[in-house]
Amino acid sequence: MVAFADLSLSFLTGLSGLTVRDASSGSLDAACTGNTQLEVRSTVCSQIAAALTSSSSVVYYPGSAQYIKDNYHWAASSNQASQCSFEPATAEDVGVALRILGQTQTPFGVKSGGHATNAGFSSTSGVEIALYSFSDVVYNSTTQTATLGMGLIWDEVYVALEPYGMTVVGPKITGIGIGGITLGGGYSYLTNQYGLGIDSVVAYELVMPNGTVADITESTEPDLFFALRGGFNNFGIVTTVTVNTHPQSQVWGGLVSYSQNQWAAASSAIANFSANVTDPKASMYNAYNYISGVPIMANILFYDAPTPPEGMFDEFLAIPAIVAAVSTRSYVDLVQSLPLNATAGLRTVFSSVAMEDVTVPVLDMIVNETTFWSKKLASSSAGIVTYGVDVFLPTIYDHVASPTAYPPSRSQGYSFIELFYGWTQSNYDSTIFDAVSASTQHMLQSLVNDGQDVAGVAVYPNHAPPNTSLETMYGDNVPRLQAIKNAVDPDNVMALTGGWKF
């Protein structure tokens, strides 16, 4: 699941007059310049710098370009100015930092790709640990696995594996880091075939809260392996992850965009696709967008072969489109053809609602929500209001035998409504959060009233808005996760960093 507005924003920006800040700029620049800032040396930061075992591990201070990069996040609502940033080059030096941070009770952030939207989840006013130096992709042709550094983005992984004719279950658009997918869930074009991103994980290199380094697999540490697959950074800092790879040929697909007068026809095509297409190689991703009040629909069609079965996508392609950029291409080309972080620099929030059935009445309800909240929030600096529709098969959770932290139940898979709001002014934060909560609850109740049994479906943690309860995301797994966390982190070191806390 992605920020669908990225798919339309690149050509609507000039049309609508929406101004989005440059991804390299923002409040961090002002906080990190000037001689006074250059002279700041936090005692804890200096202590970490003095204790490092590798000359390649570096602490950066305000005023340096690398400090700005380390603290930068895709969502402006996630940016914070830390005391310093730390780029460890070895797992052992991650352990050095964790021991010092725990002893001094210093808040810290852990950044993989920096695509978190909730404030403080991977940022901090303390010490920001940026994992950029963990950037290797090591492919093992014997086991058909790849070991990935947590400082990578998935684009780099796709490119590295392409010469081997292999790929991995990762995100659908560019610019996403390894961490959120391999520790939080991971819905993909390939999910119908292979499950979630966490379902492909076979091992983690984990720096424990006490600073020791351990390899975590299902056979060596079954409790931790369960907890890490969906439980994020509660149990230490993961530096590398080993995942199963899958053969990858050329694919067919791309972006098709429709003006508002074609939304009804497109909704009918989506409902028919959801009801009739059971081929796991097929995927469809849609968004109803209002961008600065301009309505636009973005739709990604995907088939995991050079040519889809005859007629599968004909209904979509017969609708008059603003853009129709579908073709046979490499998997890398498909992903990279979509706009890179076009919504970067906005304050953002996600939410999601599960669906058993994607019908025309349901899609009409989603369109009404999109239109209503776009108008309602226009005066609250909300330039982007997006309601996405992720269509999946009910078998998506059947691809792994052992339980995972998320989802707490794998008895049935679901399709999803994804909400994404982007705004510019922080004084409207509470207004936006109230709106996304109200819309989520309204749609959930509408689905339940329509006979869909989705009231208790776990919320996807990567797209859960602030203040979502642990029980809403992890259900009956919460007590087990809390027990594992207490066992591995008796001194509560990981409570010093952000995220969903057990």
Protein backbone atom coordinates (compact mmCIF):
# COMPACT_ATOMS: atom_id res chain seq x y z
CA MET A 1 0.00 0.00 0.00
CA VAL A 2 1.36 3.40 -0.99
CA ALA A 3 0.67 7.11 -1.11
CA PHE A 4 -1.46 7.00 -4.24
CA ALA A 5 -1.33 10.76 -4.66
CA ASP A 6 2.26 10.33 -5.85
CA LEU A 7 0.86 8.70 -8.97
CA SER A 8 -1.06 11.80 -10.06
CA LEU A 9 0.77 14.65 -8.40
CA SER A 10 3.61 14.93 -10.90
CA PHE A 11 1.39 16.25 -13.69
CA LEU A 12 -1.29 17.88 -11.51
CA THR A 13 1.10 20.14 -9.61
CA GLY A 14 1.27 22.67 -12.41
CA LEU A 15 -2.45 22.36 -13.14
CA SER A 16 -3.69 22.91 -9.61
CA GLY A 17 -1.11 25.33 -8.25
CA LEU A 18 -0.22 23.03 -5.34
CA THR A 19 3.18 23.82 -3.90
CA VAL A 20 5.13 20.94 -2.42
CA ARG A 21 8.45 21.55 -0.72
CA ASP A 22 11.60 20.16 -2.26
CA ALA A 23 12.46 16.80 -0.73
CA SER A 24 15.90 18.08 0.28
CA SER A 25 14.64 21.16 2.08
CA GLY A 26 12.56 21.96 5.12
CA SER A 27 12.76 23.02 8.72
CA LEU A 28 15.88 20.96 9.32
CA ASP A 29 17.95 23.36 7.21
CA ALA A 30 17.19 26.27 9.48
CA ALA A 31 17.87 24.20 12.55
CA CYS A 32 21.19 22.92 11.29
CA THR A 33 23.01 26.00 10.04
CA GLY A 34 25.13 28.66 11.66
CA ASN A 35 28.34 28.65 13.69
CA THR A 36 26.50 28.22 16.99
CA GLN A 37 25.00 24.94 15.84
CA LEU A 38 28.35 23.72 14.59
CA GLU A 39 29.79 24.15 18.08
CA VAL A 40 27.12 22.07 19.78
CA ARG A 41 28.51 18.78 20.97
CA SER A 42 26.14 16.70 23.07
CA THR A 43 27.90 14.80 25.82
CA VAL A 44 26.15 11.58 24.79
CA CYS A 45 27.07 12.10 21.14
CA SER A 46 30.71 12.65 22.07
CA GLN A 47 30.61 9.57 24.28
CA ILE A 48 29.35 7.44 21.38
CA ALA A 49 31.95 8.89 19.00
CA ALA A 50 34.77 8.09 21.43
CA ALA A 51 33.67 4.49 21.99
CA LEU A 52 33.29 3.34 18.36
CA THR A 53 35.31 0.36 17.17
CA SER A 54 35.18 1.06 13.43
CA SER A 55 36.66 4.12 11.76
CA SER A 56 33.82 3.92 9.23
CA SER A 57 31.20 4.59 11.91
CA VAL A 58 30.65 8.36 12.17
CA VAL A 59 28.77 10.80 14.40
CA TYR A 60 27.53 13.95 12.63
CA TYR A 61 26.52 17.25 14.20
CA PRO A 62 24.16 20.10 13.27
CA GLY A 63 25.54 22.12 10.41
CA SER A 64 26.76 19.20 8.31
CA ALA A 65 25.05 18.01 5.13
CA GLN A 66 25.11 14.42 6.35
CA TYR A 67 23.32 15.39 9.57
CA ILE A 68 20.53 16.96 7.49
CA LYS A 69 20.28 13.82 5.33
CA ASP A 70 20.23 11.55 8.37
CA ASN A 71 17.38 13.48 10.00
CA TYR A 72 15.33 14.09 6.85
CA HIS A 73 12.04 12.22 6.48
CA TRP A 74 9.63 11.98 3.55
CA ALA A 75 6.83 13.44 5.69
CA ALA A 76 7.44 16.86 7.21
CA SER A 77 5.36 15.71 10.18
CA SER A 78 8.13 13.19 10.95
CA ASN A 79 11.09 15.58 10.82
CA GLN A 80 12.89 16.47 14.05
CA ALA A 81 16.25 18.10 14.76
CA SER A 82 18.32 15.65 16.78
CA GLN A 83 21.31 16.44 19.02
CA CYS A 84 23.44 14.53 16.53
CA SER A 85 23.12 11.76 14.00
CA PHE A 86 25.04 8.50 14.03
CA GLU A 87 25.82 6.32 11.03
CA PRO A 88 27.12 2.98 12.31
CA ALA A 89 29.11 0.83 9.89
CA THR A 90 29.00 -2.38 11.93
CA ALA A 91 26.45 -4.15 14.07
CA GLU A 92 28.94 -4.01 16.93
CA ASP A 93 28.96 -0.21 16.82
CA VAL A 94 25.17 -0.21 16.87
CA GLY A 95 25.59 -2.16 20.09
CA VAL A 96 28.05 0.42 21.43
CA ALA A 97 25.49 3.16 20.87
CA LEU A 98 22.61 1.19 22.35
CA ARG A 99 24.54 0.52 25.56
CA ILE A 100 25.40 4.21 25.98
CA LEU A 101 21.89 5.36 25.11
CA GLY A 102 20.43 2.93 27.62
CA GLN A 103 22.85 3.89 30.37
CA THR A 104 22.21 7.61 29.86
CA GLN A 105 18.48 7.21 29.16
CA THR A 106 18.84 9.26 25.98
CA PRO A 107 15.98 9.24 23.46
CA PHE A 108 16.94 7.98 19.99
CA GLY A 109 15.48 7.34 16.57
CA VAL A 110 16.25 4.52 14.13
CA LYS A 111 15.94 5.37 10.45
CA SER A 112 15.93 2.91 7.57
CA GLY A 113 14.33 4.70 4.60
CA GLY A 114 12.63 7.54 6.47
CA HIS A 115 9.14 6.95 5.05
CA ALA A 116 7.34 6.88 8.42
CA THR A 117 4.51 9.40 8.72
CA ASN A 118 3.72 9.38 12.44
CA ALA A 119 5.75 11.94 14.39
CA GLY A 120 8.63 10.46 16.36
CA PHE A 121 8.38 6.95 14.94
CA SER A 122 11.83 7.06 13.32
CA SER A 123 12.96 10.54 14.35
CA THR A 124 14.02 12.06 17.65
CA SER A 125 15.29 15.12 19.48
CA GLY A 126 18.00 12.89 20.94
CA VAL A 127 20.37 10.75 18.82
CA GLU A 128 19.26 9.78 15.30
CA ILE A 129 20.69 6.43 14.18
CA ALA A 130 20.71 6.32 10.36
CA LEU A 131 21.45 2.90 8.89
CA TYR A 132 22.74 4.06 5.49
CA SER A 133 26.05 2.18 5.82
CA PHE A 134 24.21 -1.15 5.86
CA SER A 135 23.77 -1.01 2.10
CA ASP A 136 24.84 -4.38 0.66
CA VAL A 137 22.71 -6.78 -1.36
CA VAL A 138 24.20 -10.29 -1.20
CA TYR A 139 22.49 -12.91 -3.36
CA ASN A 140 22.96 -16.61 -2.60
CA SER A 141 22.15 -18.64 -5.71
CA THR A 142 22.23 -21.93 -3.78
CA THR A 143 19.55 -20.97 -1.27
CA GLN A 144 17.94 -18.39 -3.57
CA THR A 145 17.97 -15.86 -0.76
CA ALA A 146 19.23 -12.30 -0.56
CA THR A 147 20.71 -10.60 2.50
CA LEU A 148 19.78 -6.92 2.55
CA GLY A 149 21.20 -4.04 4.55
CA MET A 150 18.65 -1.96 6.42
CA GLY A 151 20.03 1.25 4.91
CA LEU A 152 18.85 0.34 1.41
CA ILE A 153 15.73 1.38 -0.41
CA TRP A 154 13.89 -1.31 -2.33
CA ASP A 155 14.72 0.22 -5.72
CA GLU A 156 18.35 -0.68 -5.09
CA VAL A 157 17.40 -4.25 -4.20
CA TYR A 158 15.29 -4.71 -7.33
CA VAL A 159 18.14 -3.39 -9.49
CA ALA A 160 20.76 -5.59 -7.80
CA LEU A 161 18.72 -8.78 -8.22
CA GLU A 162 17.60 -8.12 -11.80
CA PRO A 163 20.77 -9.60 -13.42
CA TYR A 164 20.03 -12.89 -11.64
CA GLY A 165 16.45 -12.94 -12.95
CA MET A 166 15.16 -12.74 -9.38
CA THR A 167 13.20 -10.31 -7.24
CA VAL A 168 11.76 -9.99 -3.73
CA VAL A 169 8.42 -9.08 -2.18
CA GLY A 170 8.77 -5.34 -1.66
CA PRO A 171 6.77 -2.14 -2.12
CA LYS A 172 5.01 -1.02 -5.28
CA ILE A 173 6.64 2.41 -5.64
CA THR A 174 10.10 3.91 -5.36
CA GLY A 175 11.84 5.43 -2.38
CA ILE A 176 10.70 3.03 0.37
CA GLY A 177 13.21 1.71 2.92
CA ILE A 178 13.80 -1.92 3.85
CA GLY A 179 12.82 -1.57 7.51
CA GLY A 180 9.10 -0.82 7.38
CA ILE A 181 8.39 -3.70 4.99
CA THR A 182 10.50 -6.43 6.61
CA LEU A 183 9.52 -5.49 10.17
CA GLY A 184 5.97 -4.24 9.63
CA GLY A 185 4.15 -6.23 6.93
CA GLY A 186 4.68 -5.39 3.28
CA TYR A 187 1.91 -5.49 0.66
CA SER A 188 3.22 -5.86 -2.89
CA TYR A 189 2.33 -6.53 -6.52
CA LEU A 190 3.54 -10.05 -5.66
CA THR A 191 1.52 -10.51 -2.47
CA ASN A 192 -1.18 -12.61 -4.14
CA GLN A 193 1.55 -15.06 -5.15
CA TYR A 194 3.97 -14.99 -2.21
CA GLY A 195 2.32 -13.27 0.73
CA LEU A 196 3.54 -10.25 2.68
CA GLY A 197 7.10 -8.95 2.76
CA ILE A 198 7.58 -10.39 6.25
CA ASP A 199 6.48 -13.80 4.96
CA SER A 200 9.64 -13.99 2.84
CA VAL A 201 12.01 -13.30 5.75
CA VAL A 202 14.23 -16.21 6.81
CA ALA A 203 16.68 -14.43 9.15
CA TYR A 204 17.42 -11.14 10.90
CA GLU A 205 20.71 -9.82 12.23
CA LEU A 206 19.54 -8.18 15.45
CA VAL A 207 21.44 -5.93 17.82
CA MET A 208 19.81 -6.68 21.14
CA PRO A 209 18.96 -3.87 23.59
CA ASN A 210 21.98 -4.87 25.70
CA GLY A 211 24.28 -4.37 22.69
CA THR A 212 24.96 -7.99 21.78
CA VAL A 213 24.51 -9.17 18.18
CA ALA A 214 22.41 -12.23 17.34
CA ASP A 215 21.16 -14.04 14.24
CA ILE A 216 17.43 -14.61 14.60
CA THR A 217 15.74 -17.41 12.69
CA GLU A 218 12.70 -19.56 13.29
CA SER A 219 14.89 -22.41 14.49
CA THR A 220 17.30 -20.43 16.70
CA GLU A 221 14.90 -17.93 18.33
CA PRO A 222 11.28 -18.77 17.43
CA ASP A 223 9.76 -16.20 19.79
CA LEU A 224 11.89 -13.32 18.52
CA PHE A 225 11.42 -14.44 14.92
CA PHE A 226 7.65 -14.32 15.46
CA ALA A 227 7.87 -10.91 17.13
CA LEU A 228 10.12 -9.22 14.58
CA ARG A 229 7.81 -10.12 11.71
CA GLY A 230 5.39 -7.27 12.26
CA GLY A 231 6.60 -6.02 15.66
CA PHE A 232 9.05 -3.36 14.38
CA ASN A 233 11.82 -2.03 16.64
CA ASN A 234 10.58 -3.21 20.03
CA PHE A 235 13.22 -5.90 20.38
CA GLY A 236 16.43 -4.20 19.28
CA ILE A 237 17.83 -2.79 16.04
CA VAL A 238 17.88 -4.98 12.93
CA THR A 239 20.90 -4.29 10.70
CA THR A 240 20.40 -6.89 7.95
CA VAL A 241 17.59 -9.17 6.87
CA THR A 242 17.71 -12.32 4.71
CA VAL A 243 14.70 -12.96 2.48
CA ASN A 244 13.59 -15.54 -0.05
CA THR A 245 13.83 -14.41 -3.66
CA HIS A 246 11.56 -15.35 -6.55
CA PRO A 247 12.11 -15.74 -10.31
CA GLN A 248 11.20 -12.57 -12.18
CA SER A 249 10.52 -12.28 -15.90
CA GLN A 250 9.34 -9.20 -17.70
CA VAL A 251 5.97 -7.93 -16.51
CA TRP A 252 3.05 -6.11 -18.04
CA GLY A 253 1.50 -3.02 -16.53
CA GLY A 254 1.70 0.63 -15.65
CA LEU A 255 -0.32 3.71 -14.76
CA VAL A 256 -3.73 4.62 -16.17
CA SER A 257 -5.33 7.88 -15.01
CA TYR A 258 -8.93 9.00 -15.46
CA SER A 259 -10.75 12.32 -15.16
CA GLN A 260 -13.76 12.51 -12.87
CA ASN A 261 -16.32 11.95 -15.62
CA GLN A 262 -14.86 8.44 -16.05
CA TRP A 263 -14.86 7.49 -12.36
CA ALA A 264 -18.15 5.55 -12.55
CA ALA A 265 -16.90 3.43 -15.45
CA ALA A 266 -13.58 2.83 -13.68
CA SER A 267 -15.36 1.86 -10.45
CA SER A 268 -17.36 -0.71 -12.38
CA ALA A 269 -14.14 -2.11 -13.86
CA ILE A 270 -12.56 -2.34 -10.39
CA ALA A 271 -15.58 -4.16 -8.95
CA ASN A 272 -15.63 -6.61 -11.87
CA PHE A 273 -11.89 -7.24 -11.53
CA SER A 274 -12.23 -7.93 -7.80
CA ALA A 275 -15.18 -10.27 -8.30
CA ASN A 276 -13.85 -12.25 -11.26
CA VAL A 277 -10.04 -12.29 -11.37
CA THR A 278 -8.51 -15.05 -9.26
CA ASP A 279 -5.16 -15.31 -11.06
CA PRO A 280 -2.50 -14.62 -8.37
CA LYS A 281 -0.20 -13.05 -10.96
CA ALA A 282 -2.67 -10.20 -11.44
CA SER A 283 -2.78 -7.06 -9.28
CA MET A 284 -4.75 -3.82 -9.38
CA TYR A 285 -4.20 -0.67 -7.36
CA ASN A 286 -6.48 2.37 -7.53
CA ALA A 287 -6.78 5.84 -5.99
CA TYR A 288 -9.52 8.44 -5.99
CA ASN A 289 -7.63 11.73 -5.51
CA TYR A 290 -8.42 15.37 -4.94
CA ILE A 291 -5.26 17.43 -5.34
CA SER A 292 -5.81 21.09 -4.48
CA GLY A 293 -9.46 20.46 -5.29
CA VAL A 294 -8.75 18.85 -8.68
CA PRO A 295 -10.22 15.32 -8.98
CA ILE A 296 -8.10 12.65 -10.62
CA MET A 297 -8.09 8.87 -10.50
CA ALA A 298 -4.84 6.91 -10.66
CA ASN A 299 -4.89 3.20 -11.40
CA ILE A 300 -1.96 0.78 -11.57
CA LEU A 301 -2.52 -2.41 -13.57
CA PHE A 302 -0.06 -5.29 -13.12
CA TYR A 303 0.46 -8.79 -14.45
CA ASP A 304 3.50 -10.89 -13.58
CA ALA A 305 4.29 -12.02 -17.13
CA PRO A 306 5.09 -10.23 -20.38
CA THR A 307 1.44 -10.46 -21.49
CA PRO A 308 -1.73 -10.77 -19.40
CA PRO A 309 -4.45 -13.29 -20.27
CA GLU A 310 -6.68 -12.04 -23.06
CA GLY A 311 -9.40 -9.69 -21.85
CA MET A 312 -8.27 -9.43 -18.22
CA PHE A 313 -7.74 -5.66 -18.27
CA ASP A 314 -9.79 -4.72 -21.35
CA GLU A 315 -12.49 -2.95 -19.35
CA PHE A 316 -9.90 -0.57 -17.84
CA LEU A 317 -8.21 0.07 -21.18
CA ALA A 318 -11.48 0.81 -22.97
CA ILE A 319 -12.19 3.80 -20.71
CA PRO A 320 -10.94 7.14 -22.12
CA ALA A 321 -7.85 8.00 -20.08
CA ILE A 322 -5.74 11.08 -19.37
CA VAL A 323 -2.65 8.86 -19.16
CA ALA A 324 -2.33 5.23 -20.29
CA ALA A 325 1.29 4.17 -19.77
CA VAL A 326 1.02 0.39 -19.80
CA SER A 327 3.46 -1.89 -21.58
CA THR A 328 5.65 -4.96 -21.31
CA ARG A 329 8.74 -3.99 -19.32
CA SER A 330 11.12 -5.08 -16.61
CA TYR A 331 9.87 -5.16 -13.03
CA VAL A 332 12.42 -2.47 -12.15
CA ASP A 333 11.18 -0.25 -14.97
CA LEU A 334 7.57 -0.61 -13.85
CA VAL A 335 8.36 0.43 -10.28
CA GLN A 336 10.65 3.26 -11.29
CA SER A 337 8.19 4.60 -13.87
CA LEU A 338 6.01 5.83 -11.02
CA PRO A 339 6.76 9.25 -9.48
CA LEU A 340 9.44 9.29 -6.79
CA ASN A 341 8.12 10.64 -3.48
CA ALA A 342 6.10 13.33 -5.23
CA THR A 343 4.27 14.11 -1.99
CA ALA A 344 7.48 14.60 0.02
CA GLY A 345 7.58 17.60 2.34
CA LEU A 346 3.93 17.55 3.38
CA ARG A 347 2.51 16.69 6.78
CA THR A 348 0.85 13.33 6.24
CA VAL A 349 -1.31 10.66 7.83
CA PHE A 350 -2.50 7.22 6.73
CA SER A 351 -5.38 5.02 7.79
CA SER A 352 -6.97 1.89 6.35
CA VAL A 353 -10.13 -0.20 6.41
CA ALA A 354 -10.44 -3.86 5.41
CA MET A 355 -13.01 -5.09 2.88
CA GLU A 356 -14.29 -8.58 2.14
CA ASP A 357 -15.93 -7.50 -1.12
CA VAL A 358 -15.15 -4.61 -3.46
CA THR A 359 -18.50 -3.73 -5.00
CA VAL A 360 -19.82 -0.72 -6.89
CA PRO A 361 -21.86 0.49 -3.87
CA VAL A 362 -18.74 0.28 -1.71
CA LEU A 363 -16.73 2.19 -4.29
CA ASP A 364 -19.49 4.81 -4.52
CA MET A 365 -19.25 5.22 -0.75
CA ILE A 366 -15.47 5.70 -1.07
CA VAL A 367 -15.94 8.32 -3.80
CA ASN A 368 -18.40 10.18 -1.57
CA GLU A 369 -15.88 10.15 1.29
CA THR A 370 -13.14 11.45 -0.99
CA THR A 371 -15.30 14.31 -2.24
CA PHE A 372 -16.70 15.22 1.17
CA TRP A 373 -13.38 15.37 2.99
CA SER A 374 -11.59 17.15 0.17
CA LYS A 375 -14.09 20.01 0.44
CA LYS A 376 -14.27 19.86 4.23
CA LEU A 377 -10.50 20.03 4.73
CA ALA A 378 -9.65 22.53 1.99
CA SER A 379 -9.60 25.35 4.55
CA SER A 380 -7.29 23.30 6.81
CA SER A 381 -4.37 23.36 4.31
CA ALA A 382 -5.13 19.82 3.09
CA GLY A 383 -3.97 19.93 -0.52
CA ILE A 384 -4.19 16.16 -1.01
CA VAL A 385 -7.05 13.86 -0.07
CA THR A 386 -6.67 10.32 -1.38
CA TYR A 387 -8.73 7.17 -0.92
CA GLY A 388 -7.00 4.14 -2.36
CA VAL A 389 -8.39 0.71 -3.14
CA ASP A 390 -6.01 -2.26 -2.80
CA VAL A 391 -7.53 -5.42 -4.29
CA PHE A 392 -6.12 -8.70 -2.99
CA LEU A 393 -7.15 -12.35 -3.01
CA PRO A 394 -8.51 -13.87 0.22
CA THR A 395 -5.57 -16.32 0.18
CA ILE A 396 -2.80 -13.71 0.70
CA TYR A 397 -2.10 -14.86 4.26
CA ASP A 398 -1.70 -18.54 3.31
CA HIS A 399 1.93 -18.33 2.19
CA VAL A 400 3.69 -18.91 5.51
CA ALA A 401 3.19 -21.74 8.00
CA SER A 402 4.36 -20.07 11.21
CA PRO A 403 2.51 -17.23 12.98
CA THR A 404 3.69 -13.62 12.79
CA ALA A 405 3.12 -10.61 15.04
CA TYR A 406 1.03 -9.04 12.26
CA PRO A 407 -1.56 -10.03 11.20
CA PRO A 408 -2.80 -11.65 14.40
CA SER A 409 -5.14 -13.88 12.38
CA ARG A 410 -4.37 -15.44 9.01
CA SER A 411 -7.69 -17.17 8.52
CA GLN A 412 -8.71 -14.82 5.71
CA GLY A 413 -7.11 -12.15 3.56
CA TYR A 414 -8.74 -8.85 2.70
CA SER A 415 -8.73 -5.98 0.26
CA PHE A 416 -8.23 -2.52 1.74
CA ILE A 417 -9.34 1.08 1.59
CA GLU A 418 -6.32 3.29 2.19
CA LEU A 419 -6.73 6.88 3.35
CA PHE A 420 -3.96 9.41 2.81
CA TYR A 421 -4.20 13.11 3.69
CA GLY A 422 -1.44 15.62 2.99
CA TRP A 423 -1.43 19.14 4.46
CA THR A 424 1.04 21.95 5.13
CA GLN A 425 0.27 23.73 8.41
CA SER A 426 0.94 22.07 11.77
CA ASN A 427 -1.81 24.04 13.53
CA TYR A 428 -4.32 21.87 11.64
CA ASP A 429 -2.83 18.56 12.83
CA SER A 430 -5.62 17.77 15.28
CA THR A 431 -8.28 18.74 12.72
CA ILE A 432 -6.79 16.34 10.16
CA PHE A 433 -6.37 13.52 12.66
CA ASP A 434 -9.98 13.92 13.80
CA ALA A 435 -11.10 13.83 10.16
CA VAL A 436 -9.19 10.68 9.27
CA SER A 437 -10.56 8.98 12.38
CA ALA A 438 -14.13 10.02 11.59
CA SER A 439 -13.88 8.89 7.97
CA THR A 440 -12.31 5.56 8.94
CA GLN A 441 -15.05 4.82 11.46
CA HIS A 442 -17.79 5.92 9.06
CA MET A 443 -16.56 3.62 6.29
CA LEU A 444 -16.04 0.72 8.67
CA GLN A 445 -19.58 1.06 9.97
CA SER A 446 -20.92 1.36 6.42
CA LEU A 447 -19.21 -1.91 5.45
CA VAL A 448 -20.52 -3.66 8.56
CA ASN A 449 -24.04 -2.38 7.84
CA ASP A 450 -23.64 -3.78 4.33
CA GLY A 451 -23.01 -7.24 5.79
CA GLN A 452 -19.21 -7.36 5.59
CA ASP A 453 -17.61 -9.06 8.62
CA VAL A 454 -14.70 -6.64 9.02
CA ALA A 455 -15.27 -4.93 12.38
CA GLY A 456 -12.50 -6.88 14.09
CA VAL A 457 -9.95 -7.06 11.26
CA ALA A 458 -6.48 -5.95 12.38
CA VAL A 459 -5.35 -2.51 11.23
CA TYR A 460 -2.12 -2.52 9.19
CA PRO A 461 0.51 -1.00 11.55
CA ASN A 462 2.42 0.79 8.77
CA HIS A 463 -0.75 2.71 7.91
CA ALA A 464 -2.22 3.18 11.37
CA PRO A 465 -2.72 6.81 12.44
CA PRO A 466 -1.37 8.16 15.75
CA ASN A 467 -2.89 6.80 18.97
CA THR A 468 -4.07 3.55 17.39
CA SER A 469 -4.26 0.93 20.14
CA LEU A 470 -1.99 -2.11 20.11
CA GLU A 471 -5.02 -4.39 20.34
CA THR A 472 -6.46 -2.86 17.14
CA MET A 473 -3.32 -3.86 15.22
CA TYR A 474 -2.08 -6.98 17.01
CA GLY A 475 -5.21 -8.44 18.62
CA ASP A 476 -4.61 -11.51 20.76
CA ASN A 477 -0.88 -11.37 20.01
CA VAL A 478 -0.37 -8.39 22.35
CA PRO A 479 0.27 -10.36 25.59
CA ARG A 480 2.81 -12.63 23.86
CA LEU A 481 4.56 -9.67 22.26
CA GLN A 482 4.73 -7.85 25.58
CA ALA A 483 6.22 -10.93 27.26
CA ILE A 484 8.86 -11.32 24.54
CA LYS A 485 9.72 -7.63 24.77
CA ASN A 486 10.11 -7.79 28.56
CA ALA A 487 12.34 -10.84 28.28
CA VAL A 488 14.68 -9.39 25.66
CA ASP A 489 14.67 -5.83 27.01
CA PRO A 490 14.30 -5.92 30.82
CA ASP A 491 15.82 -2.43 31.12
CA ASN A 492 13.29 -1.01 28.63
CA VAL A 493 15.95 0.51 26.39
CA MET A 494 13.75 0.32 23.29
CA ALA A 495 11.14 2.50 25.00
CA LEU A 496 13.61 5.36 24.36
CA THR A 497 12.82 5.20 20.64
CA GLY A 498 9.55 5.76 18.79
CA GLY A 499 6.98 3.51 17.18
CA TRP A 500 4.29 1.20 18.46
CA LYS A 501 5.46 0.16 21.93
CA PHE A 502 4.67 -3.15 23.66
